[in-house]
Amino acid sequence: MDHDTPDLTTEPFRGSNHAPLDPDTEADIVVIGAGPAGLAVAACLMQRGHSPLVLDRAQEVASSWRRHYERLHLHTVKTHSALPGMPFPEDAPRYVPRQGVVDYLTAYARQHGIEPELGQHVEAIEPRQEPGAPWLVRLASGRHYAANHVVVATGANRVPQVPRLPGEDLFQGRVLHSRSYRKAAPFAGQRVLVVGMGNTGAEIALDLAEHGVRAAISVRSPVNIVRREVLGRPTQLSSILLSKLPHALGDALATLFRDLTVGDLRRHGLPTARVSPQRQLREEGKTPVIDVGTVKRIQTGDIQVYPGVQSLTPGGVRFTDGTEHPFDAVLLATGYQPALQELFPYTPLPLDQRGIPPGVSGEGALQSVYFVGFDVRQPGGLLRTIAQQAELVAERISARQAQARGGVHGA
């Protein structure tokens, strides 16, 4: 990447009570997204005297959390999941439920005076050719803003990954992505196959089984599974401690804890990943399955485990081991992608194989662009990482603006 820093002395700094801004076409700082990441960045910036413009395509803050399945709880403890400047309520449970997170984020925006412009779909972020602010944020409505800084906080789970399964046209049941799942009631009396055993797939299968639905999981690859708690201690806290050790030691201890607490599940159709949970998170950005009861349901036979899907049939599924089983619905817990590149039609992004940027601050051609809420490799959960990144980005923007003002005053 090009590390050249643009000349900060050629144009007067606009915004933050210096050169006035045209509110219809200019913004000092644009924050895209009003979920946890966008709200956290906005709050940290406002605490430092800035007035960011927050945009979100939805009609309400925390829209993704409002759409999640009803059973969902945080897998991280509330004390390590709060955003800067506001803890979760004292009476909230250790693992906050979905609605509790929605209520918290709504209150967070209110407490910090964050008033996003909702229903504003950002279509593109483009470099400006004119002097002054380096970025142009284009909206689908036709509006646009010239911006000194752009914070992209649209989330790692922006677009569902929906693979097309062989034989799908023949299947007489329903095929839907996990994003459409809310609760088990619509599947009463049905046979449901959940494709994919990440945290979403494991918990949806558990929700179905707990409500008497005949559920099964298709697991294509070995998995890392850890308990949410061991002897009352949250695994999140243990993961944070292990990450501070040399990698070889931390990985060995993580593997030992996994093997002692979860054990060998091969006879139930669940081969264990060869790498430790810590290493898989660190190198692949793949969070281990945080077990909240799915393993027990598998062991008792309430949830069947099958290998990968070879194809769908009119009445069910044919698996890679050659067996066929009847199903009424196939639920794709196949994940999401951030789809960041489509927001930057003229600027190539240095993304990894999962579409994640390498850091929070853009460099070279991406100077003054920041990415918050995409780093899924850190121990302790994404909300904890978001809180750290929000503070960091607010500090960097403040420092850059101070540098810009110094350049103008010294010109």
Protein backbone atom coordinates (compact mmCIF):
# COMPACT_ATOMS: atom_id res chain seq x y z
CA MET A 1 0.00 0.00 0.00
CA ASP A 2 1.08 3.57 -0.62
CA HIS A 3 2.01 5.20 2.68
CA ASP A 4 2.33 8.75 1.34
CA THR A 5 0.50 11.29 3.48
CA PRO A 6 -1.48 13.94 1.58
CA ASP A 7 -0.45 17.58 1.95
CA LEU A 8 -2.52 18.95 4.82
CA THR A 9 -1.58 22.61 4.31
CA THR A 10 -3.01 23.32 0.86
CA GLU A 11 -6.64 23.73 1.91
CA PRO A 12 -8.21 25.21 5.05
CA PHE A 13 -9.49 22.62 7.48
CA ARG A 14 -13.28 22.49 7.40
CA GLY A 15 -15.46 21.50 10.32
CA SER A 16 -15.21 21.34 14.11
CA ASN A 17 -15.91 25.09 14.44
CA HIS A 18 -13.22 26.15 11.95
CA ALA A 19 -14.19 26.82 8.33
CA PRO A 20 -17.99 26.53 8.17
CA LEU A 21 -19.62 23.50 6.58
CA ASP A 22 -22.55 23.42 4.20
CA PRO A 23 -24.86 20.97 6.04
CA ASP A 24 -26.47 19.85 2.78
CA THR A 25 -23.30 18.82 0.98
CA GLU A 26 -20.41 18.71 3.48
CA ALA A 27 -19.58 16.83 6.66
CA ASP A 28 -16.46 16.81 8.76
CA ILE A 29 -16.85 13.14 9.76
CA VAL A 30 -19.30 10.67 8.22
CA VAL A 31 -20.02 7.47 10.16
CA ILE A 32 -21.76 4.80 8.07
CA GLY A 33 -23.80 2.44 10.22
CA ALA A 34 -25.88 2.88 13.38
CA GLY A 35 -25.21 -0.50 14.93
CA PRO A 36 -22.83 -1.09 17.86
CA ALA A 37 -19.73 -0.02 15.90
CA GLY A 38 -21.19 3.17 14.45
CA LEU A 39 -22.78 4.22 17.73
CA ALA A 40 -19.56 3.57 19.67
CA VAL A 41 -17.45 5.62 17.25
CA ALA A 42 -19.99 8.44 17.22
CA ALA A 43 -20.07 8.55 21.03
CA CYS A 44 -16.27 8.61 21.30
CA LEU A 45 -16.04 11.38 18.71
CA MET A 46 -18.72 13.44 20.42
CA GLN A 47 -16.92 13.08 23.75
CA ARG A 48 -13.97 14.75 22.03
CA GLY A 49 -16.00 17.65 20.73
CA HIS A 50 -16.80 16.43 17.22
CA SER A 51 -20.20 16.32 15.54
CA PRO A 52 -20.20 13.30 13.23
CA LEU A 53 -22.91 12.69 10.67
CA VAL A 54 -24.21 9.14 11.25
CA LEU A 55 -26.01 7.45 8.35
CA ASP A 56 -27.86 4.14 8.29
CA ARG A 57 -29.99 2.51 5.61
CA ALA A 58 -32.43 1.08 8.18
CA GLN A 59 -35.23 3.00 9.85
CA GLU A 60 -33.94 2.43 13.39
CA VAL A 61 -30.68 2.02 15.25
CA ALA A 62 -29.38 -1.48 15.94
CA SER A 63 -31.41 -2.86 13.05
CA SER A 64 -29.39 -6.09 12.77
CA TRP A 65 -29.94 -6.91 16.43
CA ARG A 66 -33.65 -6.32 15.99
CA ARG A 67 -33.73 -8.95 13.22
CA HIS A 68 -31.78 -11.69 15.03
CA TYR A 69 -33.53 -14.85 16.17
CA GLU A 70 -35.38 -14.44 19.45
CA ARG A 71 -33.42 -16.99 21.47
CA LEU A 72 -30.09 -15.23 20.93
CA HIS A 73 -28.05 -14.13 23.94
CA LEU A 74 -24.59 -12.64 24.03
CA HIS A 75 -21.93 -15.29 24.48
CA THR A 76 -19.77 -12.68 26.18
CA VAL A 77 -20.31 -11.29 29.67
CA LYS A 78 -21.95 -7.91 29.97
CA THR A 79 -18.97 -6.34 31.75
CA HIS A 80 -16.80 -7.03 28.69
CA SER A 81 -19.47 -6.26 26.08
CA ALA A 82 -20.45 -2.67 26.89
CA LEU A 83 -19.57 0.22 24.61
CA PRO A 84 -17.48 3.21 25.78
CA GLY A 85 -19.20 5.52 28.21
CA MET A 86 -22.12 3.34 29.30
CA PRO A 87 -22.24 -0.03 31.07
CA PHE A 88 -25.10 -2.48 30.73
CA PRO A 89 -27.75 -2.06 33.46
CA GLU A 90 -26.87 -3.65 36.79
CA ASP A 91 -29.98 -5.82 36.69
CA ALA A 92 -29.14 -7.22 33.24
CA PRO A 93 -28.15 -10.91 33.29
CA ARG A 94 -24.52 -11.93 32.80
CA TYR A 95 -25.31 -12.91 29.19
CA VAL A 96 -27.65 -10.27 27.85
CA PRO A 97 -30.53 -11.46 25.63
CA ARG A 98 -31.17 -10.08 22.15
CA GLN A 99 -33.90 -7.65 23.25
CA GLY A 100 -31.71 -6.47 26.11
CA VAL A 101 -28.99 -5.59 23.61
CA VAL A 102 -31.49 -3.72 21.44
CA ASP A 103 -32.71 -1.77 24.48
CA TYR A 104 -29.12 -1.03 25.51
CA LEU A 105 -28.10 0.26 22.08
CA THR A 106 -31.24 2.41 21.86
CA ALA A 107 -30.50 3.90 25.28
CA TYR A 108 -26.84 4.33 24.33
CA ALA A 109 -27.73 6.48 21.33
CA ARG A 110 -30.14 8.52 23.45
CA GLN A 111 -27.67 9.05 26.31
CA HIS A 112 -24.94 10.28 23.97
CA GLY A 113 -27.26 12.44 21.91
CA ILE A 114 -26.62 10.46 18.72
CA GLU A 115 -29.30 11.19 16.14
CA PRO A 116 -28.55 9.22 12.99
CA GLU A 117 -30.06 10.08 9.64
CA LEU A 118 -32.02 6.89 9.09
CA GLY A 119 -33.25 5.42 5.83
CA GLN A 120 -30.10 6.72 4.10
CA HIS A 121 -28.53 4.06 1.90
CA VAL A 122 -24.87 4.79 1.19
CA GLU A 123 -24.25 3.68 -2.37
CA ALA A 124 -20.58 4.56 -2.81
CA ILE A 125 -17.55 6.15 -1.17
CA GLU A 126 -15.42 7.85 -3.80
CA PRO A 127 -12.21 9.88 -3.79
CA ARG A 128 -12.87 13.53 -4.66
CA GLN A 129 -10.87 15.15 -7.43
CA GLU A 130 -11.59 18.68 -6.23
CA PRO A 131 -9.45 20.44 -3.58
CA GLY A 132 -10.54 20.17 0.03
CA ALA A 133 -12.23 17.19 1.65
CA PRO A 134 -10.80 13.97 0.17
CA TRP A 135 -13.95 11.79 0.11
CA LEU A 136 -17.39 11.89 -1.42
CA VAL A 137 -20.14 9.81 0.17
CA ARG A 138 -22.93 9.15 -2.32
CA LEU A 139 -26.44 8.14 -1.22
CA ALA A 140 -28.95 6.15 -3.25
CA SER A 141 -31.33 9.10 -2.93
CA GLY A 142 -29.01 11.22 -5.06
CA ARG A 143 -27.63 13.24 -2.16
CA HIS A 144 -23.91 13.33 -1.46
CA TYR A 145 -21.50 14.64 1.15
CA ALA A 146 -17.91 15.75 0.83
CA ALA A 147 -16.17 14.45 3.97
CA ASN A 148 -12.83 14.94 5.69
CA HIS A 149 -13.11 11.54 7.38
CA VAL A 150 -15.25 8.49 6.68
CA VAL A 151 -15.81 5.73 9.26
CA VAL A 152 -17.21 2.54 7.76
CA ALA A 153 -19.11 0.64 10.45
CA THR A 154 -21.45 -1.45 8.33
CA GLY A 155 -20.48 -4.72 10.03
CA ALA A 156 -18.87 -8.00 9.07
CA ASN A 157 -22.34 -9.54 8.64
CA ARG A 158 -23.72 -7.14 6.06
CA VAL A 159 -24.75 -9.53 3.28
CA PRO A 160 -25.93 -13.14 3.77
CA GLN A 161 -23.97 -15.86 1.99
CA VAL A 162 -26.60 -17.98 0.27
CA PRO A 163 -25.09 -20.90 -1.62
CA ARG A 164 -27.14 -22.53 -4.34
CA LEU A 165 -27.53 -26.22 -3.47
CA PRO A 166 -27.61 -28.87 -6.20
CA GLY A 167 -31.15 -30.10 -6.72
CA GLU A 168 -32.71 -27.08 -5.06
CA ASP A 169 -35.22 -26.68 -7.87
CA LEU A 170 -36.48 -30.20 -7.22
CA PHE A 171 -36.85 -29.85 -3.46
CA GLN A 172 -40.49 -29.59 -2.42
CA GLY A 173 -39.79 -27.98 0.94
CA ARG A 174 -38.46 -24.58 1.93
CA VAL A 175 -34.86 -23.37 1.67
CA LEU A 176 -34.06 -20.22 3.64
CA HIS A 177 -31.07 -18.44 5.12
CA SER A 178 -30.67 -18.26 8.89
CA ARG A 179 -31.21 -14.50 8.63
CA SER A 180 -34.90 -15.27 8.09
CA TYR A 181 -35.19 -17.43 11.20
CA ARG A 182 -36.90 -15.87 14.22
CA LYS A 183 -38.30 -18.74 16.29
CA ALA A 184 -39.21 -22.41 16.15
CA ALA A 185 -43.02 -22.10 16.02
CA PRO A 186 -43.34 -21.88 12.19
CA PHE A 187 -41.46 -25.20 11.92
CA ALA A 188 -43.67 -27.19 14.32
CA GLY A 189 -44.17 -30.75 13.13
CA GLN A 190 -41.51 -30.43 10.45
CA ARG A 191 -38.13 -32.03 9.84
CA VAL A 192 -35.52 -29.28 9.58
CA LEU A 193 -31.91 -29.53 8.44
CA VAL A 194 -29.57 -26.75 9.57
CA VAL A 195 -26.63 -26.48 7.17
CA GLY A 196 -23.52 -25.29 8.99
CA MET A 197 -22.36 -25.53 12.58
CA GLY A 198 -21.12 -22.15 13.52
CA ASN A 199 -22.62 -20.44 16.55
CA THR A 200 -25.77 -19.47 14.66
CA GLY A 201 -26.38 -22.95 13.27
CA ALA A 202 -25.71 -24.65 16.61
CA GLU A 203 -28.04 -22.35 18.51
CA ILE A 204 -30.86 -22.45 15.96
CA ALA A 205 -30.73 -26.26 15.98
CA LEU A 206 -30.92 -26.13 19.78
CA ASP A 207 -33.87 -23.74 19.66
CA LEU A 208 -35.70 -26.05 17.28
CA ALA A 209 -35.01 -29.13 19.44
CA GLU A 210 -36.07 -27.36 22.62
CA HIS A 211 -39.44 -26.67 20.99
CA GLY A 212 -39.99 -30.23 19.83
CA VAL A 213 -38.97 -29.78 16.21
CA ARG A 214 -37.06 -32.67 14.63
CA ALA A 215 -33.76 -30.94 13.92
CA ALA A 216 -30.52 -32.06 12.32
CA ILE A 217 -27.24 -30.36 11.47
CA SER A 218 -25.09 -30.84 8.40
CA VAL A 219 -21.42 -30.49 9.37
CA ARG A 220 -18.95 -30.47 6.50
CA SER A 221 -15.68 -29.76 8.32
CA PRO A 222 -14.11 -30.44 11.75
CA VAL A 223 -15.19 -27.92 14.39
CA ASN A 224 -13.87 -26.33 17.55
CA ILE A 225 -16.41 -26.38 20.36
CA VAL A 226 -15.95 -24.82 23.80
CA ARG A 227 -18.30 -24.43 26.74
CA ARG A 228 -19.63 -20.96 27.45
CA GLU A 229 -18.58 -21.44 31.06
CA VAL A 230 -16.36 -23.92 32.88
CA LEU A 231 -16.94 -24.23 36.63
CA GLY A 232 -18.72 -20.88 36.59
CA ARG A 233 -15.90 -19.05 34.81
CA PRO A 234 -16.79 -17.53 31.42
CA THR A 235 -14.70 -18.94 28.59
CA GLN A 236 -14.45 -15.40 27.22
CA LEU A 237 -12.33 -14.34 30.19
CA SER A 238 -10.14 -17.42 29.90
CA SER A 239 -9.65 -16.70 26.19
CA ILE A 240 -8.48 -13.18 26.94
CA LEU A 241 -5.94 -14.48 29.47
CA LEU A 242 -4.67 -17.22 27.14
CA SER A 243 -4.16 -14.69 24.35
CA LYS A 244 -1.59 -12.88 26.50
CA LEU A 245 0.63 -15.98 26.67
CA PRO A 246 3.13 -17.04 24.01
CA HIS A 247 1.12 -18.57 21.16
CA ALA A 248 2.46 -22.10 21.62
CA LEU A 249 1.57 -22.17 25.32
CA GLY A 250 -1.79 -20.43 24.91
CA ASP A 251 -2.77 -22.77 22.08
CA ALA A 252 -1.76 -25.86 24.07
CA LEU A 253 -3.80 -24.77 27.09
CA ALA A 254 -6.82 -23.89 24.95
CA THR A 255 -6.68 -27.33 23.34
CA LEU A 256 -6.37 -29.00 26.74
CA PHE A 257 -9.38 -27.12 28.15
CA ARG A 258 -11.44 -27.94 25.04
CA ASP A 259 -10.59 -31.65 25.21
CA LEU A 260 -11.26 -31.89 28.94
CA THR A 261 -14.58 -30.05 28.89
CA VAL A 262 -16.10 -31.07 25.54
CA GLY A 263 -14.33 -34.31 24.74
CA ASP A 264 -14.24 -36.45 21.61
CA LEU A 265 -17.51 -36.20 19.66
CA ARG A 266 -16.50 -38.20 16.59
CA ARG A 267 -18.96 -40.98 17.34
CA HIS A 268 -21.72 -38.38 17.17
CA GLY A 269 -20.51 -37.19 13.76
CA LEU A 270 -18.53 -34.20 15.02
CA PRO A 271 -14.78 -34.43 14.35
CA THR A 272 -12.71 -31.93 16.30
CA ALA A 273 -10.54 -29.37 14.52
CA ARG A 274 -6.82 -30.09 14.69
CA VAL A 275 -5.88 -26.51 15.52
CA SER A 276 -6.68 -24.94 18.87
CA PRO A 277 -9.64 -22.58 19.28
CA GLN A 278 -7.20 -19.75 19.96
CA ARG A 279 -5.17 -20.34 16.83
CA GLN A 280 -8.22 -20.74 14.61
CA LEU A 281 -9.59 -17.43 15.86
CA ARG A 282 -6.24 -15.68 15.52
CA GLU A 283 -5.34 -16.96 12.05
CA GLU A 284 -8.69 -17.58 10.36
CA GLY A 285 -11.03 -15.25 12.21
CA LYS A 286 -13.23 -18.24 12.94
CA THR A 287 -14.89 -18.15 16.35
CA PRO A 288 -15.28 -21.53 18.06
CA VAL A 289 -18.78 -22.80 18.69
CA ILE A 290 -19.74 -21.52 22.14
CA ASP A 291 -21.86 -24.38 23.43
CA VAL A 292 -24.99 -23.49 25.41
CA GLY A 293 -26.66 -26.90 25.22
CA THR A 294 -26.39 -28.12 21.63
CA VAL A 295 -23.75 -30.76 22.42
CA LYS A 296 -25.94 -32.41 25.05
CA ARG A 297 -28.87 -32.55 22.61
CA ILE A 298 -26.59 -34.16 20.04
CA GLN A 299 -25.35 -36.71 22.57
CA THR A 300 -28.91 -37.66 23.55
CA GLY A 301 -29.98 -37.96 19.91
CA ASP A 302 -32.39 -35.03 19.96
CA ILE A 303 -30.30 -33.39 17.23
CA GLN A 304 -28.93 -35.62 14.47
CA VAL A 305 -25.61 -34.82 12.80
CA TYR A 306 -25.00 -35.55 9.11
CA PRO A 307 -22.04 -34.83 6.83
CA GLY A 308 -22.02 -32.27 4.01
CA VAL A 309 -24.91 -31.88 1.59
CA GLN A 310 -24.38 -33.52 -1.79
CA SER A 311 -27.74 -32.48 -3.23
CA LEU A 312 -31.36 -31.89 -2.43
CA THR A 313 -33.99 -34.36 -3.57
CA PRO A 314 -37.74 -33.82 -4.01
CA GLY A 315 -38.38 -35.05 -0.47
CA GLY A 316 -35.16 -34.38 1.39
CA VAL A 317 -31.38 -34.37 1.25
CA ARG A 318 -28.67 -36.65 -0.08
CA PHE A 319 -25.47 -36.37 1.95
CA THR A 320 -21.83 -36.87 0.95
CA ASP A 321 -21.76 -40.29 2.63
CA GLY A 322 -24.43 -41.47 0.19
CA THR A 323 -27.31 -41.56 2.65
CA GLU A 324 -30.64 -39.82 2.05
CA HIS A 325 -33.05 -38.48 4.67
CA PRO A 326 -36.40 -36.70 4.43
CA PHE A 327 -36.67 -33.02 5.36
CA ASP A 328 -39.37 -30.38 5.09
CA ALA A 329 -37.06 -27.37 5.38
CA VAL A 330 -33.38 -26.58 4.88
CA LEU A 331 -32.02 -23.67 6.87
CA LEU A 332 -28.71 -22.27 5.62
CA ALA A 333 -26.54 -21.14 8.54
CA THR A 334 -23.82 -20.37 6.01
CA GLY A 335 -22.73 -17.01 7.33
CA TYR A 336 -22.34 -13.53 5.94
CA GLN A 337 -19.85 -11.34 4.15
CA PRO A 338 -19.03 -7.66 4.74
CA ALA A 339 -19.19 -6.79 1.00
CA LEU A 340 -16.95 -3.79 1.56
CA GLN A 341 -15.45 -3.53 -1.90
CA GLU A 342 -18.80 -2.67 -3.49
CA LEU A 343 -18.86 0.50 -1.36
CA PHE A 344 -15.55 1.63 -2.95
CA PRO A 345 -16.08 1.35 -6.73
CA TYR A 346 -12.91 3.28 -7.60
CA THR A 347 -10.57 2.31 -4.76
CA PRO A 348 -9.23 -1.25 -4.39
CA LEU A 349 -9.32 -2.40 -0.78
CA PRO A 350 -6.59 -4.59 0.80
CA LEU A 351 -9.01 -7.26 2.02
CA ASP A 352 -8.19 -10.75 3.25
CA GLN A 353 -9.88 -13.90 1.94
CA ARG A 354 -12.91 -13.23 4.15
CA GLY A 355 -13.27 -9.71 2.84
CA ILE A 356 -11.97 -8.13 6.06
CA PRO A 357 -9.64 -5.08 6.04
CA PRO A 358 -6.25 -5.49 7.76
CA GLY A 359 -6.67 -2.68 10.28
CA VAL A 360 -8.85 0.19 11.44
CA SER A 361 -7.04 2.99 9.60
CA GLY A 362 -6.77 3.15 5.84
CA GLU A 363 -3.41 4.07 4.33
CA GLY A 364 -2.23 5.53 1.06
CA ALA A 365 -5.24 5.91 -1.22
CA LEU A 366 -7.47 5.14 1.80
CA GLN A 367 -6.11 7.89 4.03
CA SER A 368 -8.85 9.30 6.29
CA VAL A 369 -11.02 6.17 5.94
CA TYR A 370 -11.52 3.97 9.01
CA PHE A 371 -13.02 0.50 9.43
CA VAL A 372 -14.60 -0.38 12.77
CA GLY A 373 -16.30 -3.64 13.73
CA PHE A 374 -14.71 -5.96 11.18
CA ASP A 375 -11.82 -7.51 13.12
CA VAL A 376 -13.17 -10.89 14.17
CA ARG A 377 -9.76 -12.29 15.13
CA GLN A 378 -9.47 -10.75 18.57
CA PRO A 379 -10.19 -12.73 21.75
CA GLY A 380 -13.04 -11.66 23.97
CA GLY A 381 -15.74 -11.08 21.40
CA LEU A 382 -16.56 -8.49 18.75
CA LEU A 383 -18.29 -6.00 21.07
CA ARG A 384 -15.16 -5.79 23.20
CA THR A 385 -13.08 -5.20 20.07
CA ILE A 386 -15.51 -2.55 18.84
CA ALA A 387 -15.19 -0.64 22.12
CA GLN A 388 -11.40 -0.63 21.78
CA GLN A 389 -11.44 0.34 18.11
CA ALA A 390 -13.93 3.16 18.63
CA GLU A 391 -11.64 4.84 21.13
CA LEU A 392 -8.65 4.34 18.86
CA VAL A 393 -10.34 5.80 15.78
CA ALA A 394 -11.65 8.81 17.70
CA GLU A 395 -8.13 9.50 18.97
CA ARG A 396 -6.64 9.19 15.49
CA ILE A 397 -9.19 11.47 13.90
CA SER A 398 -8.64 14.06 16.64
CA ALA A 399 -4.88 13.84 16.20
CA ARG A 400 -5.12 14.16 12.44
CA GLN A 401 -7.35 17.19 12.71
CA ALA A 402 -4.97 18.79 15.19
CA GLN A 403 -2.17 18.17 12.70
CA ALA A 404 -4.26 19.71 9.93
CA ARG A 405 -5.03 22.80 11.95
CA GLY A 406 -1.38 23.15 12.86
CA GLY A 407 -0.48 22.94 9.19
CA VAL A 408 -2.99 25.66 8.29
CA HIS A 409 -1.90 27.96 11.09
CA GLY A 410 1.74 27.50 10.21
CA ALA A 411 1.25 28.04 6.48
